[in-house]
Amino acid sequence: MVMQKDGLIVYDPDSGQIGKNTFSDPLFAPFPELITLAGDMSRERVGNGTYNVIDADRMNVTKEAMWTTVGIRGTEWRLALIRIIEPANS
């Protein structure tokens, strides 16, 4: 996925998330760990972390995100690779 430093998602495999702001959109409100991680991403040029969410099958899962920064002409985006590492309730 690709996120602007202000939390706006500019690309995600789930097209329903594109154009939403991680910090202010109600879609993300039930997931405080995700919002915290997005805050880390907005402040840090590289990093990693985990968070719990509910997937498309309504299962709790733990995801790991690893990100770096890409940019051009002074504008930066966070490019993140995200993977499921385990069901959260296992």
PDB file of N, CA and C in Angstrom:
ATOM      1  N   MET A   1       0.838  -1.165   0.000  1.00  0.00           N
ATOM      2  CA  MET A   1       0.000   0.000   0.000  1.00  0.00           C
ATOM      3  C   MET A   1       0.886   1.233   0.000  1.00  0.00           C
ATOM      4  N   VAL A   2       0.309   2.356  -0.389  1.00  0.00           N
ATOM      5  CA  VAL A   2       1.043   3.621  -0.414  1.00  0.00           C
ATOM      6  C   VAL A   2       0.217   4.652   0.340  1.00  0.00           C
ATOM      7  N   MET A   3       0.879   5.344   1.274  1.00  0.00           N
ATOM      8  CA  MET A   3       0.205   6.339   2.102  1.00  0.00           C
ATOM      9  C   MET A   3       0.976   7.654   2.065  1.00  0.00           C
ATOM     10  N   GLN A   4       0.246   8.743   1.962  1.00  0.00           N
ATOM     11  CA  GLN A   4       0.860  10.056   2.137  1.00  0.00           C
ATOM     12  C   GLN A   4       1.200  10.224   3.603  1.00  0.00           C
ATOM     13  N   LYS A   5       2.095  11.155   3.918  1.00  0.00           N
ATOM     14  CA  LYS A   5       2.474  11.379   5.303  1.00  0.00           C
ATOM     15  C   LYS A   5       1.314  11.894   6.154  1.00  0.00           C
ATOM     16  N   ASP A   6       0.286  12.452   5.541  1.00  0.00           N
ATOM     17  CA  ASP A   6      -0.878  12.931   6.296  1.00  0.00           C
ATOM     18  C   ASP A   6      -1.915  11.843   6.537  1.00  0.00           C
ATOM     19  N   GLY A   7      -1.616  10.596   6.122  1.00  0.00           N
ATOM     20  CA  GLY A   7      -2.508   9.473   6.365  1.00  0.00           C
ATOM     21  C   GLY A   7      -3.409   9.104   5.208  1.00  0.00           C
ATOM     22  N   LEU A   8      -3.413   9.889   4.139  1.00  0.00           N
ATOM     23  CA  LEU A   8      -4.255   9.593   2.981  1.00  0.00           C
ATOM     24  C   LEU A   8      -3.702   8.381   2.234  1.00  0.00           C
ATOM     25  N   ILE A   9      -4.550   7.388   1.984  1.00  0.00           N
ATOM     26  CA  ILE A   9      -4.135   6.190   1.260  1.00  0.00           C
ATOM     27  C   ILE A   9      -4.277   6.457  -0.229  1.00  0.00           C
ATOM     28  N   VAL A  10      -3.162   6.375  -0.947  1.00  0.00           N
ATOM     29  CA  VAL A  10      -3.180   6.628  -2.389  1.00  0.00           C
ATOM     30  C   VAL A  10      -3.188   5.338  -3.207  1.00  0.00           C
ATOM     31  N   TYR A  11      -2.803   4.214  -2.571  1.00  0.00           N
ATOM     32  CA  TYR A  11      -2.940   2.916  -3.230  1.00  0.00           C
ATOM     33  C   TYR A  11      -3.099   1.848  -2.165  1.00  0.00           C
ATOM     34  N   ASP A  12      -3.986   0.896  -2.431  1.00  0.00           N
ATOM     35  CA  ASP A  12      -4.153  -0.283  -1.590  1.00  0.00           C
ATOM     36  C   ASP A  12      -4.785  -1.364  -2.462  1.00  0.00           C
ATOM     37  N   PRO A  13      -4.410  -2.623  -2.263  1.00  0.00           N
ATOM     38  CA  PRO A  13      -5.068  -3.691  -3.039  1.00  0.00           C
ATOM     39  C   PRO A  13      -6.585  -3.707  -2.842  1.00  0.00           C
ATOM     40  N   ASP A  14      -7.047  -3.257  -1.672  1.00  0.00           N
ATOM     41  CA  ASP A  14      -8.477  -3.096  -1.420  1.00  0.00           C
ATOM     42  C   ASP A  14      -8.863  -1.708  -1.918  1.00  0.00           C
ATOM     43  N   SER A  15      -9.415  -1.624  -3.115  1.00  0.00           N
ATOM     44  CA  SER A  15      -9.689  -0.318  -3.737  1.00  0.00           C
ATOM     45  C   SER A  15     -10.652   0.531  -2.915  1.00  0.00           C
ATOM     46  N   GLY A  16     -11.414  -0.079  -2.005  1.00  0.00           N
ATOM     47  CA  GLY A  16     -12.308   0.679  -1.153  1.00  0.00           C
ATOM     48  C   GLY A  16     -11.591   1.548  -0.133  1.00  0.00           C
ATOM     49  N   GLN A  17     -10.294   1.304   0.066  1.00  0.00           N
ATOM     50  CA  GLN A  17      -9.517   2.112   1.013  1.00  0.00           C
ATOM     51  C   GLN A  17      -8.818   3.288   0.336  1.00  0.00           C
ATOM     52  N   ILE A  18      -8.692   3.256  -0.977  1.00  0.00           N
ATOM     53  CA  ILE A  18      -8.021   4.338  -1.694  1.00  0.00           C
ATOM     54  C   ILE A  18      -8.815   5.624  -1.527  1.00  0.00           C
ATOM     55  N   GLY A  19      -8.113   6.691  -1.174  1.00  0.00           N
ATOM     56  CA  GLY A  19      -8.750   7.992  -0.974  1.00  0.00           C
ATOM     57  C   GLY A  19      -9.242   8.229   0.444  1.00  0.00           C
ATOM     58  N   LYS A  20      -9.114   7.237   1.313  1.00  0.00           N
ATOM     59  CA  LYS A  20      -9.532   7.397   2.699  1.00  0.00           C
ATOM     60  C   LYS A  20      -8.331   7.810   3.548  1.00  0.00           C
ATOM     61  N   ASN A  21      -8.603   8.560   4.616  1.00  0.00           N
ATOM     62  CA  ASN A  21      -7.540   8.995   5.504  1.00  0.00           C
ATOM     63  C   ASN A  21      -7.530   8.089   6.731  1.00  0.00           C
ATOM     64  N   THR A  22      -6.397   7.479   6.977  1.00  0.00           N
ATOM     65  CA  THR A  22      -6.263   6.534   8.078  1.00  0.00           C
ATOM     66  C   THR A  22      -6.575   7.177   9.425  1.00  0.00           C
ATOM     67  N   PHE A  23      -6.272   8.458   9.581  1.00  0.00           N
ATOM     68  CA  PHE A  23      -6.451   9.119  10.870  1.00  0.00           C
ATOM     69  C   PHE A  23      -7.871   9.613  11.110  1.00  0.00           C
ATOM     70  N   SER A  24      -8.639   9.848  10.068  1.00  0.00           N
ATOM     71  CA  SER A  24      -9.947  10.477  10.266  1.00  0.00           C
ATOM     72  C   SER A  24     -11.141   9.706   9.714  1.00  0.00           C
ATOM     73  N   ASP A  25     -10.927   8.720   8.860  1.00  0.00           N
ATOM     74  CA  ASP A  25     -12.064   8.002   8.289  1.00  0.00           C
ATOM     75  C   ASP A  25     -12.639   7.013   9.304  1.00  0.00           C
ATOM     76  N   PRO A  26     -13.964   6.984   9.464  1.00  0.00           N
ATOM     77  CA  PRO A  26     -14.591   6.058  10.421  1.00  0.00           C
ATOM     78  C   PRO A  26     -14.290   4.582  10.151  1.00  0.00           C
ATOM     79  N   LEU A  27     -13.930   4.234   8.926  1.00  0.00           N
ATOM     80  CA  LEU A  27     -13.588   2.855   8.594  1.00  0.00           C
ATOM     81  C   LEU A  27     -12.481   2.308   9.496  1.00  0.00           C
ATOM     82  N   PHE A  28     -11.533   3.174   9.871  1.00  0.00           N
ATOM     83  CA  PHE A  28     -10.366   2.734  10.627  1.00  0.00           C
ATOM     84  C   PHE A  28     -10.514   2.933  12.135  1.00  0.00           C
ATOM     85  N   ALA A  29     -11.548   3.639  12.575  1.00  0.00           N
ATOM     86  CA  ALA A  29     -11.730   3.955  13.999  1.00  0.00           C
ATOM     87  C   ALA A  29     -11.735   2.732  14.918  1.00  0.00           C
ATOM     88  N   PRO A  30     -12.311   1.589  14.514  1.00  0.00           N
ATOM     89  CA  PRO A  30     -12.312   0.422  15.414  1.00  0.00           C
ATOM     90  C   PRO A  30     -10.938  -0.247  15.580  1.00  0.00           C
ATOM     91  N   PHE A  31      -9.913   0.258  14.901  1.00  0.00           N
ATOM     92  CA  PHE A  31      -8.607  -0.396  14.897  1.00  0.00           C
ATOM     93  C   PHE A  31      -7.508   0.549  15.391  1.00  0.00           C
ATOM     94  N   PRO A  32      -7.459   0.817  16.707  1.00  0.00           N
ATOM     95  CA  PRO A  32      -6.484   1.785  17.229  1.00  0.00           C
ATOM     96  C   PRO A  32      -5.032   1.396  16.962  1.00  0.00           C
ATOM     97  N   GLU A  33      -4.728   0.092  16.917  1.00  0.00           N
ATOM     98  CA  GLU A  33      -3.347  -0.314  16.623  1.00  0.00           C
ATOM     99  C   GLU A  33      -2.949   0.088  15.211  1.00  0.00           C
ATOM    100  N   LEU A  34      -3.871  -0.005  14.275  1.00  0.00           N
ATOM    101  CA  LEU A  34      -3.616   0.406  12.900  1.00  0.00           C
ATOM    102  C   LEU A  34      -3.378   1.912  12.827  1.00  0.00           C
ATOM    103  N   ILE A  35      -4.175   2.683  13.546  1.00  0.00           N
ATOM    104  CA  ILE A  35      -4.015   4.141  13.551  1.00  0.00           C
ATOM    105  C   ILE A  35      -2.671   4.522  14.174  1.00  0.00           C
ATOM    106  N   THR A  36      -2.293   3.825  15.247  1.00  0.00           N
ATOM    107  CA  THR A  36      -0.989   4.076  15.871  1.00  0.00           C
ATOM    108  C   THR A  36       0.143   3.769  14.906  1.00  0.00           C
ATOM    109  N   LEU A  37       0.046   2.636  14.204  1.00  0.00           N
ATOM    110  CA  LEU A  37       1.080   2.271  13.234  1.00  0.00           C
ATOM    111  C   LEU A  37       1.144   3.298  12.106  1.00  0.00           C
ATOM    112  N   ALA A  38      -0.003   3.769  11.631  1.00  0.00           N
ATOM    113  CA  ALA A  38      -0.013   4.796  10.588  1.00  0.00           C
ATOM    114  C   ALA A  38       0.675   6.066  11.085  1.00  0.00           C
ATOM    115  N   GLY A  39       0.507   6.379  12.361  1.00  0.00           N
ATOM    116  CA  GLY A  39       1.216   7.528  12.941  1.00  0.00           C
ATOM    117  C   GLY A  39       2.715   7.321  12.913  1.00  0.00           C
ATOM    118  N   ASP A  40       3.154   6.112  13.252  1.00  0.00           N
ATOM    119  CA  ASP A  40       4.584   5.793  13.154  1.00  0.00           C
ATOM    120  C   ASP A  40       5.063   5.959  11.720  1.00  0.00           C
ATOM    121  N   MET A  41       4.264   5.456  10.775  1.00  0.00           N
ATOM    122  CA  MET A  41       4.632   5.564   9.365  1.00  0.00           C
ATOM    123  C   MET A  41       4.728   7.023   8.921  1.00  0.00           C
ATOM    124  N   SER A  42       3.850   7.861   9.424  1.00  0.00           N
ATOM    125  CA  SER A  42       3.870   9.265   8.996  1.00  0.00           C
ATOM    126  C   SER A  42       5.103   9.995   9.522  1.00  0.00           C
ATOM    127  N   ARG A  43       5.617   9.554  10.673  1.00  0.00           N
ATOM    128  CA  ARG A  43       6.770  10.226  11.293  1.00  0.00           C
ATOM    129  C   ARG A  43       8.113   9.634  10.890  1.00  0.00           C
ATOM    130  N   GLU A  44       8.149   8.334  10.651  1.00  0.00           N
ATOM    131  CA  GLU A  44       9.411   7.628  10.407  1.00  0.00           C
ATOM    132  C   GLU A  44       9.550   7.254   8.933  1.00  0.00           C
ATOM    133  N   ARG A  45      10.728   7.475   8.378  1.00  0.00           N
ATOM    134  CA  ARG A  45      10.960   7.194   6.960  1.00  0.00           C
ATOM    135  C   ARG A  45      10.994   5.690   6.656  1.00  0.00           C
ATOM    136  N   VAL A  46      11.439   4.885   7.596  1.00  0.00           N
ATOM    137  CA  VAL A  46      11.456   3.425   7.451  1.00  0.00           C
ATOM    138  C   VAL A  46      11.049   2.811   8.777  1.00  0.00           C
ATOM    139  N   GLY A  47      10.502   1.600   8.706  1.00  0.00           N
ATOM    140  CA  GLY A  47      10.153   0.932   9.953  1.00  0.00           C
ATOM    141  C   GLY A  47       9.303  -0.287   9.722  1.00  0.00           C
ATOM    142  N   ASN A  48       8.822  -0.831  10.837  1.00  0.00           N
ATOM    143  CA  ASN A  48       7.933  -1.983  10.780  1.00  0.00           C
ATOM    144  C   ASN A  48       7.121  -2.041  12.053  1.00  0.00           C
ATOM    145  N   GLY A  49       6.052  -2.807  12.008  1.00  0.00           N
ATOM    146  CA  GLY A  49       5.208  -2.975  13.177  1.00  0.00           C
ATOM    147  C   GLY A  49       4.071  -3.922  12.874  1.00  0.00           C
ATOM    148  N   THR A  50       3.309  -4.249  13.914  1.00  0.00           N
ATOM    149  CA  THR A  50       2.181  -5.154  13.765  1.00  0.00           C
ATOM    150  C   THR A  50       0.915  -4.501  14.286  1.00  0.00           C
ATOM    151  N   TYR A  51      -0.210  -5.022  13.840  1.00  0.00           N
ATOM    152  CA  TYR A  51      -1.512  -4.537  14.291  1.00  0.00           C
ATOM    153  C   TYR A  51      -2.545  -5.629  14.051  1.00  0.00           C
ATOM    154  N   ASN A  52      -3.665  -5.540  14.776  1.00  0.00           N
ATOM    155  CA  ASN A  52      -4.761  -6.498  14.633  1.00  0.00           C
ATOM    156  C   ASN A  52      -5.932  -5.832  13.932  1.00  0.00           C
ATOM    157  N   VAL A  53      -6.548  -6.576  13.015  1.00  0.00           N
ATOM    158  CA  VAL A  53      -7.733  -6.102  12.289  1.00  0.00           C
ATOM    159  C   VAL A  53      -8.674  -7.283  12.066  1.00  0.00           C
ATOM    160  N   ILE A  54      -9.844  -7.000  11.551  1.00  0.00           N
ATOM    161  CA  ILE A  54     -10.781  -8.030  11.137  1.00  0.00           C
ATOM    162  C   ILE A  54     -10.699  -8.128   9.615  1.00  0.00           C
ATOM    163  N   ASP A  55     -10.484  -9.339   9.098  1.00  0.00           N
ATOM    164  CA  ASP A  55     -10.328  -9.512   7.647  1.00  0.00           C
ATOM    165  C   ASP A  55     -11.679  -9.651   6.957  1.00  0.00           C
ATOM    166  N   ALA A  56     -11.641  -9.898   5.670  1.00  0.00           N
ATOM    167  CA  ALA A  56     -12.867  -9.988   4.859  1.00  0.00           C
ATOM    168  C   ALA A  56     -13.770 -11.140   5.298  1.00  0.00           C
ATOM    169  N   ASP A  57     -13.192 -12.161   5.930  1.00  0.00           N
ATOM    170  CA  ASP A  57     -13.970 -13.294   6.420  1.00  0.00           C
ATOM    171  C   ASP A  57     -14.444 -13.086   7.864  1.00  0.00           C
ATOM    172  N   ARG A  58     -14.300 -11.855   8.368  1.00  0.00           N
ATOM    173  CA  ARG A  58     -14.729 -11.489   9.720  1.00  0.00           C
ATOM    174  C   ARG A  58     -13.912 -12.201  10.797  1.00  0.00           C
ATOM    175  N   MET A  59     -12.647 -12.516  10.481  1.00  0.00           N
ATOM    176  CA  MET A  59     -11.746 -13.164  11.429  1.00  0.00           C
ATOM    177  C   MET A  59     -10.734 -12.138  11.928  1.00  0.00           C
ATOM    178  N   ASN A  60     -10.369 -12.244  13.202  1.00  0.00           N
ATOM    179  CA  ASN A  60      -9.308 -11.394  13.733  1.00  0.00           C
ATOM    180  C   ASN A  60      -7.973 -11.916  13.218  1.00  0.00           C
ATOM    181  N   VAL A  61      -7.172 -11.029  12.653  1.00  0.00           N
ATOM    182  CA  VAL A  61      -5.846 -11.406  12.167  1.00  0.00           C
ATOM    183  C   VAL A  61      -4.823 -10.376  12.629  1.00  0.00           C
ATOM    184  N   THR A  62      -3.605 -10.839  12.764  1.00  0.00           N
ATOM    185  CA  THR A  62      -2.481  -9.953  13.043  1.00  0.00           C
ATOM    186  C   THR A  62      -1.732  -9.757  11.739  1.00  0.00           C
ATOM    187  N   LYS A  63      -1.460  -8.496  11.427  1.00  0.00           N
ATOM    188  CA  LYS A  63      -0.710  -8.168  10.214  1.00  0.00           C
ATOM    189  C   LYS A  63       0.595  -7.490  10.589  1.00  0.00           C
ATOM    190  N   GLU A  64       1.582  -7.698   9.750  1.00  0.00           N
ATOM    191  CA  GLU A  64       2.874  -7.043   9.892  1.00  0.00           C
ATOM    192  C   GLU A  64       3.063  -6.101   8.715  1.00  0.00           C
ATOM    193  N   ALA A  65       3.509  -4.895   9.005  1.00  0.00           N
ATOM    194  CA  ALA A  65       3.800  -3.911   7.952  1.00  0.00           C
ATOM    195  C   ALA A  65       5.276  -3.528   8.028  1.00  0.00           C
ATOM    196  N   MET A  66       5.904  -3.461   6.867  1.00  0.00           N
ATOM    197  CA  MET A  66       7.270  -2.978   6.735  1.00  0.00           C
ATOM    198  C   MET A  66       7.233  -1.866   5.700  1.00  0.00           C
ATOM    199  N   TRP A  67       7.771  -0.702   6.025  1.00  0.00           N
ATOM    200  CA  TRP A  67       7.667   0.412   5.086  1.00  0.00           C
ATOM    201  C   TRP A  67       8.993   1.122   4.887  1.00  0.00           C
ATOM    202  N   THR A  68       9.019   1.827   3.776  1.00  0.00           N
ATOM    203  CA  THR A  68      10.127   2.703   3.432  1.00  0.00           C
ATOM    204  C   THR A  68       9.528   3.948   2.809  1.00  0.00           C
ATOM    205  N   THR A  69      10.376   4.876   2.456  1.00  0.00           N
ATOM    206  CA  THR A  69       9.918   6.134   1.869  1.00  0.00           C
ATOM    207  C   THR A  69      10.388   6.243   0.429  1.00  0.00           C
ATOM    208  N   VAL A  70       9.477   6.661  -0.429  1.00  0.00           N
ATOM    209  CA  VAL A  70       9.822   7.000  -1.804  1.00  0.00           C
ATOM    210  C   VAL A  70       9.385   8.447  -2.014  1.00  0.00           C
ATOM    211  N   GLY A  71      10.065   9.122  -2.914  1.00  0.00           N
ATOM    212  CA  GLY A  71       9.695  10.512  -3.122  1.00  0.00           C
ATOM    213  C   GLY A  71      10.280  11.085  -4.389  1.00  0.00           C
ATOM    214  N   ILE A  72       9.759  12.237  -4.728  1.00  0.00           N
ATOM    215  CA  ILE A  72      10.252  12.984  -5.876  1.00  0.00           C
ATOM    216  C   ILE A  72       9.971  14.466  -5.632  1.00  0.00           C
ATOM    217  N   ARG A  73      10.955  15.283  -5.919  1.00  0.00           N
ATOM    218  CA  ARG A  73      10.817  16.740  -5.826  1.00  0.00           C
ATOM    219  C   ARG A  73      10.238  17.208  -4.498  1.00  0.00           C
ATOM    220  N   GLY A  74      10.706  16.609  -3.407  1.00  0.00           N
ATOM    221  CA  GLY A  74      10.306  17.043  -2.080  1.00  0.00           C
ATOM    222  C   GLY A  74       9.009  16.458  -1.545  1.00  0.00           C
ATOM    223  N   THR A  75       8.301  15.676  -2.355  1.00  0.00           N
ATOM    224  CA  THR A  75       7.079  15.022  -1.883  1.00  0.00           C
ATOM    225  C   THR A  75       7.415  13.573  -1.563  1.00  0.00           C
ATOM    226  N   GLU A  76       6.962  13.112  -0.373  1.00  0.00           N
ATOM    227  CA  GLU A  76       7.258  11.754   0.056  1.00  0.00           C
ATOM    228  C   GLU A  76       5.989  10.940   0.238  1.00  0.00           C
ATOM    229  N   TRP A  77       6.105   9.643  -0.014  1.00  0.00           N
ATOM    230  CA  TRP A  77       5.044   8.681   0.236  1.00  0.00           C
ATOM    231  C   TRP A  77       5.651   7.520   0.998  1.00  0.00           C
ATOM    232  N   ARG A  78       4.835   6.884   1.801  1.00  0.00           N
ATOM    233  CA  ARG A  78       5.277   5.675   2.501  1.00  0.00           C
ATOM    234  C   ARG A  78       4.787   4.475   1.710  1.00  0.00           C
ATOM    235  N   LEU A  79       5.718   3.648   1.324  1.00  0.00           N
ATOM    236  CA  LEU A  79       5.447   2.426   0.574  1.00  0.00           C
ATOM    237  C   LEU A  79       5.558   1.264   1.549  1.00  0.00           C
ATOM    238  N   ALA A  80       4.450   0.545   1.759  1.00  0.00           N
ATOM    239  CA  ALA A  80       4.423  -0.510   2.769  1.00  0.00           C
ATOM    240  C   ALA A  80       4.087  -1.863   2.165  1.00  0.00           C
ATOM    241  N   LEU A  81       4.794  -2.861   2.639  1.00  0.00           N
ATOM    242  CA  LEU A  81       4.454  -4.255   2.362  1.00  0.00           C
ATOM    243  C   LEU A  81       3.760  -4.773   3.608  1.00  0.00           C
ATOM    244  N   ILE A  82       2.594  -5.380   3.430  1.00  0.00           N
ATOM    245  CA  ILE A  82       1.802  -5.844   4.565  1.00  0.00           C
ATOM    246  C   ILE A  82       1.455  -7.308   4.352  1.00  0.00           C
ATOM    247  N   ARG A  83       1.608  -8.097   5.417  1.00  0.00           N
ATOM    248  CA  ARG A  83       1.264  -9.504   5.313  1.00  0.00           C
ATOM    249  C   ARG A  83       0.590  -9.974   6.595  1.00  0.00           C
ATOM    250  N   ILE A  84      -0.247 -10.981   6.456  1.00  0.00           N
ATOM    251  CA  ILE A  84      -0.865 -11.604   7.612  1.00  0.00           C
ATOM    252  C   ILE A  84       0.193 -12.528   8.237  1.00  0.00           C
ATOM    253  N   ILE A  85       0.399 -12.371   9.535  1.00  0.00           N
ATOM    254  CA  ILE A  85       1.381 -13.239  10.174  1.00  0.00           C
ATOM    255  C   ILE A  85       0.730 -14.331  11.008  1.00  0.00           C
ATOM    256  N   GLU A  86      -0.511 -14.098  11.467  1.00  0.00           N
ATOM    257  CA  GLU A  86      -1.221 -15.151  12.192  1.00  0.00           C
ATOM    258  C   GLU A  86      -2.642 -14.710  12.495  1.00  0.00           C
ATOM    259  N   PRO A  87      -3.521 -15.668  12.673  1.00  0.00           N
ATOM    260  CA  PRO A  87      -4.835 -15.292  13.208  1.00  0.00           C
ATOM    261  C   PRO A  87      -4.611 -14.705  14.604  1.00  0.00           C
ATOM    262  N   ALA A  88      -5.248 -13.598  14.924  1.00  0.00           N
ATOM    263  CA  ALA A  88      -5.012 -12.906  16.187  1.00  0.00           C
ATOM    264  C   ALA A  88      -5.419 -13.737  17.394  1.00  0.00           C
ATOM    265  N   ASN A  89      -6.360 -14.652  17.242  1.00  0.00           N
ATOM    266  CA  ASN A  89      -6.836 -15.431  18.384  1.00  0.00           C
ATOM    267  C   ASN A  89      -6.224 -16.821  18.459  1.00  0.00           C
ATOM    268  N   SER A  90      -5.088 -17.026  17.792  1.00  0.00           N
ATOM    269  CA  SER A  90      -4.494 -18.371  17.832  1.00  0.00           C
ATOM    270  C   SER A  90      -3.581 -18.540  19.029  1.00  0.00           C
TER     271      SER A  90
END
